[in-house]
Amino acid sequence: MAKVRITQYKSAIGASKAQKKIIEALGLGKLNRPVEHEAVPEVLGMVRKLQHLLRVEEVNE
């Protein structure tokens, strides 16, 4: 299964509570610290909600 590397590059200050919970659920919290997740629909949906705060790249293994 494909993996994606997600990096938060903008601050969540001013984001809604729901968006902050999504950031926490993805394992993010500090800027420019990447995390890797499987590219499942649940994760991609969370990324789509926060596309203005995140950078996403596909990981080739």
PDB file of N, CA and C in Angstrom:
ATOM      1  N   MET A   1       0.846  -1.182   0.000  1.00  0.00           N
ATOM      2  CA  MET A   1       0.000   0.000   0.000  1.00  0.00           C
ATOM      3  C   MET A   1       0.887   1.240   0.000  1.00  0.00           C
ATOM      4  N   ALA A   2       0.436   2.290  -0.639  1.00  0.00           N
ATOM      5  CA  ALA A   2       1.196   3.527  -0.755  1.00  0.00           C
ATOM      6  C   ALA A   2       1.227   4.262   0.576  1.00  0.00           C
ATOM      7  N   LYS A   3       2.299   5.018   0.755  1.00  0.00           N
ATOM      8  CA  LYS A   3       2.426   5.839   1.949  1.00  0.00           C
ATOM      9  C   LYS A   3       2.539   7.295   1.528  1.00  0.00           C
ATOM     10  N   VAL A   4       2.155   8.178   2.434  1.00  0.00           N
ATOM     11  CA  VAL A   4       2.309   9.613   2.206  1.00  0.00           C
ATOM     12  C   VAL A   4       3.070  10.212   3.374  1.00  0.00           C
ATOM     13  N   ARG A   5       3.886  11.213   3.068  1.00  0.00           N
ATOM     14  CA  ARG A   5       4.614  11.962   4.092  1.00  0.00           C
ATOM     15  C   ARG A   5       3.906  13.305   4.231  1.00  0.00           C
ATOM     16  N   ILE A   6       3.462  13.595   5.443  1.00  0.00           N
ATOM     17  CA  ILE A   6       2.690  14.805   5.714  1.00  0.00           C
ATOM     18  C   ILE A   6       3.522  15.714   6.602  1.00  0.00           C
ATOM     19  N   THR A   7       3.635  16.975   6.202  1.00  0.00           N
ATOM     20  CA  THR A   7       4.395  17.961   6.959  1.00  0.00           C
ATOM     21  C   THR A   7       3.528  19.190   7.183  1.00  0.00           C
ATOM     22  N   GLN A   8       3.444  19.629   8.416  1.00  0.00           N
ATOM     23  CA  GLN A   8       2.710  20.856   8.724  1.00  0.00           C
ATOM     24  C   GLN A   8       3.667  22.016   8.531  1.00  0.00           C
ATOM     25  N   TYR A   9       3.322  22.949   7.638  1.00  0.00           N
ATOM     26  CA  TYR A   9       4.210  24.067   7.365  1.00  0.00           C
ATOM     27  C   TYR A   9       3.616  25.413   7.772  1.00  0.00           C
ATOM     28  N   LYS A  10       2.362  25.441   8.178  1.00  0.00           N
ATOM     29  CA  LYS A  10       1.750  26.676   8.672  1.00  0.00           C
ATOM     30  C   LYS A  10       1.152  26.406  10.042  1.00  0.00           C
ATOM     31  N   SER A  11       1.106  27.425  10.846  1.00  0.00           N
ATOM     32  CA  SER A  11       0.612  27.308  12.213  1.00  0.00           C
ATOM     33  C   SER A  11      -0.894  27.081  12.248  1.00  0.00           C
ATOM     34  N   ALA A  12      -1.328  26.385  13.282  1.00  0.00           N
ATOM     35  CA  ALA A  12      -2.751  26.129  13.482  1.00  0.00           C
ATOM     36  C   ALA A  12      -3.396  27.181  14.380  1.00  0.00           C
ATOM     37  N   ILE A  13      -2.678  28.230  14.693  1.00  0.00           N
ATOM     38  CA  ILE A  13      -3.269  29.320  15.476  1.00  0.00           C
ATOM     39  C   ILE A  13      -4.396  29.932  14.647  1.00  0.00           C
ATOM     40  N   GLY A  14      -5.547  30.038  15.229  1.00  0.00           N
ATOM     41  CA  GLY A  14      -6.700  30.574  14.522  1.00  0.00           C
ATOM     42  C   GLY A  14      -7.530  29.512  13.832  1.00  0.00           C
ATOM     43  N   ALA A  15      -7.062  28.278  13.832  1.00  0.00           N
ATOM     44  CA  ALA A  15      -7.836  27.184  13.233  1.00  0.00           C
ATOM     45  C   ALA A  15      -8.955  26.778  14.194  1.00  0.00           C
ATOM     46  N   SER A  16      -9.955  26.134  13.644  1.00  0.00           N
ATOM     47  CA  SER A  16     -11.069  25.699  14.487  1.00  0.00           C
ATOM     48  C   SER A  16     -10.637  24.529  15.378  1.00  0.00           C
ATOM     49  N   LYS A  17     -11.452  24.241  16.377  1.00  0.00           N
ATOM     50  CA  LYS A  17     -11.149  23.123  17.287  1.00  0.00           C
ATOM     51  C   LYS A  17     -11.106  21.809  16.525  1.00  0.00           C
ATOM     52  N   ALA A  18     -12.000  21.648  15.571  1.00  0.00           N
ATOM     53  CA  ALA A  18     -12.033  20.412  14.785  1.00  0.00           C
ATOM     54  C   ALA A  18     -10.737  20.240  13.992  1.00  0.00           C
ATOM     55  N   GLN A  19     -10.235  21.325  13.414  1.00  0.00           N
ATOM     56  CA  GLN A  19      -8.988  21.252  12.654  1.00  0.00           C
ATOM     57  C   GLN A  19      -7.811  20.937  13.570  1.00  0.00           C
ATOM     58  N   LYS A  20      -7.801  21.493  14.761  1.00  0.00           N
ATOM     59  CA  LYS A  20      -6.723  21.208  15.710  1.00  0.00           C
ATOM     60  C   LYS A  20      -6.751  19.741  16.136  1.00  0.00           C
ATOM     61  N   LYS A  21      -7.957  19.174  16.276  1.00  0.00           N
ATOM     62  CA  LYS A  21      -8.067  17.758  16.622  1.00  0.00           C
ATOM     63  C   LYS A  21      -7.557  16.872  15.492  1.00  0.00           C
ATOM     64  N   ILE A  22      -7.796  17.281  14.254  1.00  0.00           N
ATOM     65  CA  ILE A  22      -7.295  16.517  13.111  1.00  0.00           C
ATOM     66  C   ILE A  22      -5.771  16.545  13.091  1.00  0.00           C
ATOM     67  N   ILE A  23      -5.180  17.696  13.380  1.00  0.00           N
ATOM     68  CA  ILE A  23      -3.715  17.804  13.433  1.00  0.00           C
ATOM     69  C   ILE A  23      -3.159  16.859  14.486  1.00  0.00           C
ATOM     70  N   GLU A  24      -3.799  16.830  15.633  1.00  0.00           N
ATOM     71  CA  GLU A  24      -3.373  15.931  16.706  1.00  0.00           C
ATOM     72  C   GLU A  24      -3.540  14.470  16.296  1.00  0.00           C
ATOM     73  N   ALA A  25      -4.641  14.147  15.635  1.00  0.00           N
ATOM     74  CA  ALA A  25      -4.904  12.770  15.215  1.00  0.00           C
ATOM     75  C   ALA A  25      -3.903  12.294  14.174  1.00  0.00           C
ATOM     76  N   LEU A  26      -3.402  13.202  13.357  1.00  0.00           N
ATOM     77  CA  LEU A  26      -2.399  12.840  12.356  1.00  0.00           C
ATOM     78  C   LEU A  26      -1.004  12.700  12.961  1.00  0.00           C
ATOM     79  N   GLY A  27      -0.842  13.103  14.213  1.00  0.00           N
ATOM     80  CA  GLY A  27       0.462  12.995  14.855  1.00  0.00           C
ATOM     81  C   GLY A  27       1.345  14.199  14.606  1.00  0.00           C
ATOM     82  N   LEU A  28       0.739  15.276  14.161  1.00  0.00           N
ATOM     83  CA  LEU A  28       1.494  16.509  13.921  1.00  0.00           C
ATOM     84  C   LEU A  28       1.410  17.384  15.162  1.00  0.00           C
ATOM     85  N   GLY A  29       2.132  18.467  15.178  1.00  0.00           N
ATOM     86  CA  GLY A  29       2.062  19.358  16.313  1.00  0.00           C
ATOM     87  C   GLY A  29       3.114  20.446  16.230  1.00  0.00           C
ATOM     88  N   LYS A  30       4.278  20.077  15.735  1.00  0.00           N
ATOM     89  CA  LYS A  30       5.320  21.072  15.532  1.00  0.00           C
ATOM     90  C   LYS A  30       5.497  21.284  14.039  1.00  0.00           C
ATOM     91  N   LEU A  31       5.854  22.483  13.680  1.00  0.00           N
ATOM     92  CA  LEU A  31       6.036  22.799  12.273  1.00  0.00           C
ATOM     93  C   LEU A  31       7.245  22.064  11.707  1.00  0.00           C
ATOM     94  N   ASN A  32       7.139  21.709  10.442  1.00  0.00           N
ATOM     95  CA  ASN A  32       8.227  21.087   9.675  1.00  0.00           C
ATOM     96  C   ASN A  32       8.699  19.753  10.228  1.00  0.00           C
ATOM     97  N   ARG A  33       7.854  19.052  10.977  1.00  0.00           N
ATOM     98  CA  ARG A  33       8.185  17.702  11.434  1.00  0.00           C
ATOM     99  C   ARG A  33       7.299  16.729  10.657  1.00  0.00           C
ATOM    100  N   PRO A  34       7.889  15.967   9.724  1.00  0.00           N
ATOM    101  CA  PRO A  34       7.066  15.085   8.895  1.00  0.00           C
ATOM    102  C   PRO A  34       6.651  13.812   9.616  1.00  0.00           C
ATOM    103  N   VAL A  35       5.491  13.293   9.238  1.00  0.00           N
ATOM    104  CA  VAL A  35       5.014  11.989   9.694  1.00  0.00           C
ATOM    105  C   VAL A  35       4.593  11.205   8.456  1.00  0.00           C
ATOM    106  N   GLU A  36       4.667   9.882   8.544  1.00  0.00           N
ATOM    107  CA  GLU A  36       4.262   9.034   7.425  1.00  0.00           C
ATOM    108  C   GLU A  36       3.042   8.216   7.824  1.00  0.00           C
ATOM    109  N   HIS A  37       2.087   8.139   6.900  1.00  0.00           N
ATOM    110  CA  HIS A  37       0.864   7.368   7.104  1.00  0.00           C
ATOM    111  C   HIS A  37       0.565   6.591   5.834  1.00  0.00           C
ATOM    112  N   GLU A  38      -0.197   5.519   5.993  1.00  0.00           N
ATOM    113  CA  GLU A  38      -0.705   4.800   4.832  1.00  0.00           C
ATOM    114  C   GLU A  38      -1.708   5.710   4.113  1.00  0.00           C
ATOM    115  N   ALA A  39      -1.745   5.618   2.803  1.00  0.00           N
ATOM    116  CA  ALA A  39      -2.640   6.467   2.007  1.00  0.00           C
ATOM    117  C   ALA A  39      -4.023   5.830   1.931  1.00  0.00           C
ATOM    118  N   VAL A  40      -4.702   5.772   3.066  1.00  0.00           N
ATOM    119  CA  VAL A  40      -6.061   5.238   3.129  1.00  0.00           C
ATOM    120  C   VAL A  40      -7.049   6.399   3.034  1.00  0.00           C
ATOM    121  N   PRO A  41      -8.277   6.138   2.644  1.00  0.00           N
ATOM    122  CA  PRO A  41      -9.253   7.228   2.472  1.00  0.00           C
ATOM    123  C   PRO A  41      -9.451   8.084   3.726  1.00  0.00           C
ATOM    124  N   GLU A  42      -9.363   7.479   4.907  1.00  0.00           N
ATOM    125  CA  GLU A  42      -9.562   8.234   6.139  1.00  0.00           C
ATOM    126  C   GLU A  42      -8.484   9.305   6.305  1.00  0.00           C
ATOM    127  N   VAL A  43      -7.245   8.939   6.069  1.00  0.00           N
ATOM    128  CA  VAL A  43      -6.132   9.881   6.211  1.00  0.00           C
ATOM    129  C   VAL A  43      -6.192  10.936   5.113  1.00  0.00           C
ATOM    130  N   LEU A  44      -6.480  10.530   3.890  1.00  0.00           N
ATOM    131  CA  LEU A  44      -6.547  11.480   2.786  1.00  0.00           C
ATOM    132  C   LEU A  44      -7.682  12.484   2.987  1.00  0.00           C
ATOM    133  N   GLY A  45      -8.774  12.063   3.621  1.00  0.00           N
ATOM    134  CA  GLY A  45      -9.864  12.979   3.932  1.00  0.00           C
ATOM    135  C   GLY A  45      -9.450  14.019   4.960  1.00  0.00           C
ATOM    136  N   MET A  46      -8.685  13.575   5.974  1.00  0.00           N
ATOM    137  CA  MET A  46      -8.191  14.525   6.980  1.00  0.00           C
ATOM    138  C   MET A  46      -7.235  15.521   6.340  1.00  0.00           C
ATOM    139  N   VAL A  47      -6.391  15.035   5.447  1.00  0.00           N
ATOM    140  CA  VAL A  47      -5.441  15.914   4.759  1.00  0.00           C
ATOM    141  C   VAL A  47      -6.189  16.930   3.913  1.00  0.00           C
ATOM    142  N   ARG A  48      -7.247  16.497   3.245  1.00  0.00           N
ATOM    143  CA  ARG A  48      -8.015  17.411   2.400  1.00  0.00           C
ATOM    144  C   ARG A  48      -8.630  18.544   3.220  1.00  0.00           C
ATOM    145  N   LYS A  49      -9.047  18.250   4.458  1.00  0.00           N
ATOM    146  CA  LYS A  49      -9.622  19.288   5.316  1.00  0.00           C
ATOM    147  C   LYS A  49      -8.585  20.334   5.740  1.00  0.00           C
ATOM    148  N   LEU A  50      -7.314  19.935   5.753  1.00  0.00           N
ATOM    149  CA  LEU A  50      -6.253  20.830   6.219  1.00  0.00           C
ATOM    150  C   LEU A  50      -5.253  21.165   5.125  1.00  0.00           C
ATOM    151  N   GLN A  51      -5.668  21.104   3.879  1.00  0.00           N
ATOM    152  CA  GLN A  51      -4.729  21.299   2.787  1.00  0.00           C
ATOM    153  C   GLN A  51      -4.054  22.666   2.799  1.00  0.00           C
ATOM    154  N   HIS A  52      -4.639  23.645   3.472  1.00  0.00           N
ATOM    155  CA  HIS A  52      -4.037  24.970   3.548  1.00  0.00           C
ATOM    156  C   HIS A  52      -2.926  25.044   4.599  1.00  0.00           C
ATOM    157  N   LEU A  53      -2.774  24.006   5.423  1.00  0.00           N
ATOM    158  CA  LEU A  53      -1.741  23.989   6.463  1.00  0.00           C
ATOM    159  C   LEU A  53      -0.655  22.941   6.216  1.00  0.00           C
ATOM    160  N   LEU A  54      -0.898  22.009   5.298  1.00  0.00           N
ATOM    161  CA  LEU A  54      -0.037  20.841   5.160  1.00  0.00           C
ATOM    162  C   LEU A  54       0.596  20.754   3.778  1.00  0.00           C
ATOM    163  N   ARG A  55       1.742  20.043   3.741  1.00  0.00           N
ATOM    164  CA  ARG A  55       2.353  19.614   2.486  1.00  0.00           C
ATOM    165  C   ARG A  55       2.339  18.104   2.490  1.00  0.00           C
ATOM    166  N   VAL A  56       1.975  17.518   1.357  1.00  0.00           N
ATOM    167  CA  VAL A  56       1.863  16.066   1.259  1.00  0.00           C
ATOM    168  C   VAL A  56       2.684  15.595   0.077  1.00  0.00           C
ATOM    169  N   GLU A  57       3.493  14.555   0.321  1.00  0.00           N
ATOM    170  CA  GLU A  57       4.258  13.956  -0.776  1.00  0.00           C
ATOM    171  C   GLU A  57       4.154  12.446  -0.674  1.00  0.00           C
ATOM    172  N   GLU A  58       4.164  11.789  -1.810  1.00  0.00           N
ATOM    173  CA  GLU A  58       4.093  10.340  -1.853  1.00  0.00           C
ATOM    174  C   GLU A  58       5.479   9.774  -1.559  1.00  0.00           C
ATOM    175  N   VAL A  59       5.523   8.703  -0.761  1.00  0.00           N
ATOM    176  CA  VAL A  59       6.782   8.073  -0.378  1.00  0.00           C
ATOM    177  C   VAL A  59       6.987   6.855  -1.245  1.00  0.00           C
ATOM    178  N   ASN A  60       8.131   6.802  -1.910  1.00  0.00           N
ATOM    179  CA  ASN A  60       8.490   5.630  -2.710  1.00  0.00           C
ATOM    180  C   ASN A  60       9.410   4.755  -1.907  1.00  0.00           C
ATOM    181  N   GLU A  61       8.989   3.531  -1.670  1.00  0.00           N
ATOM    182  CA  GLU A  61       9.795   2.623  -0.869  1.00  0.00           C
ATOM    183  C   GLU A  61      10.604   1.702  -1.735  1.00  0.00           C
TER     184      GLU A  61
END
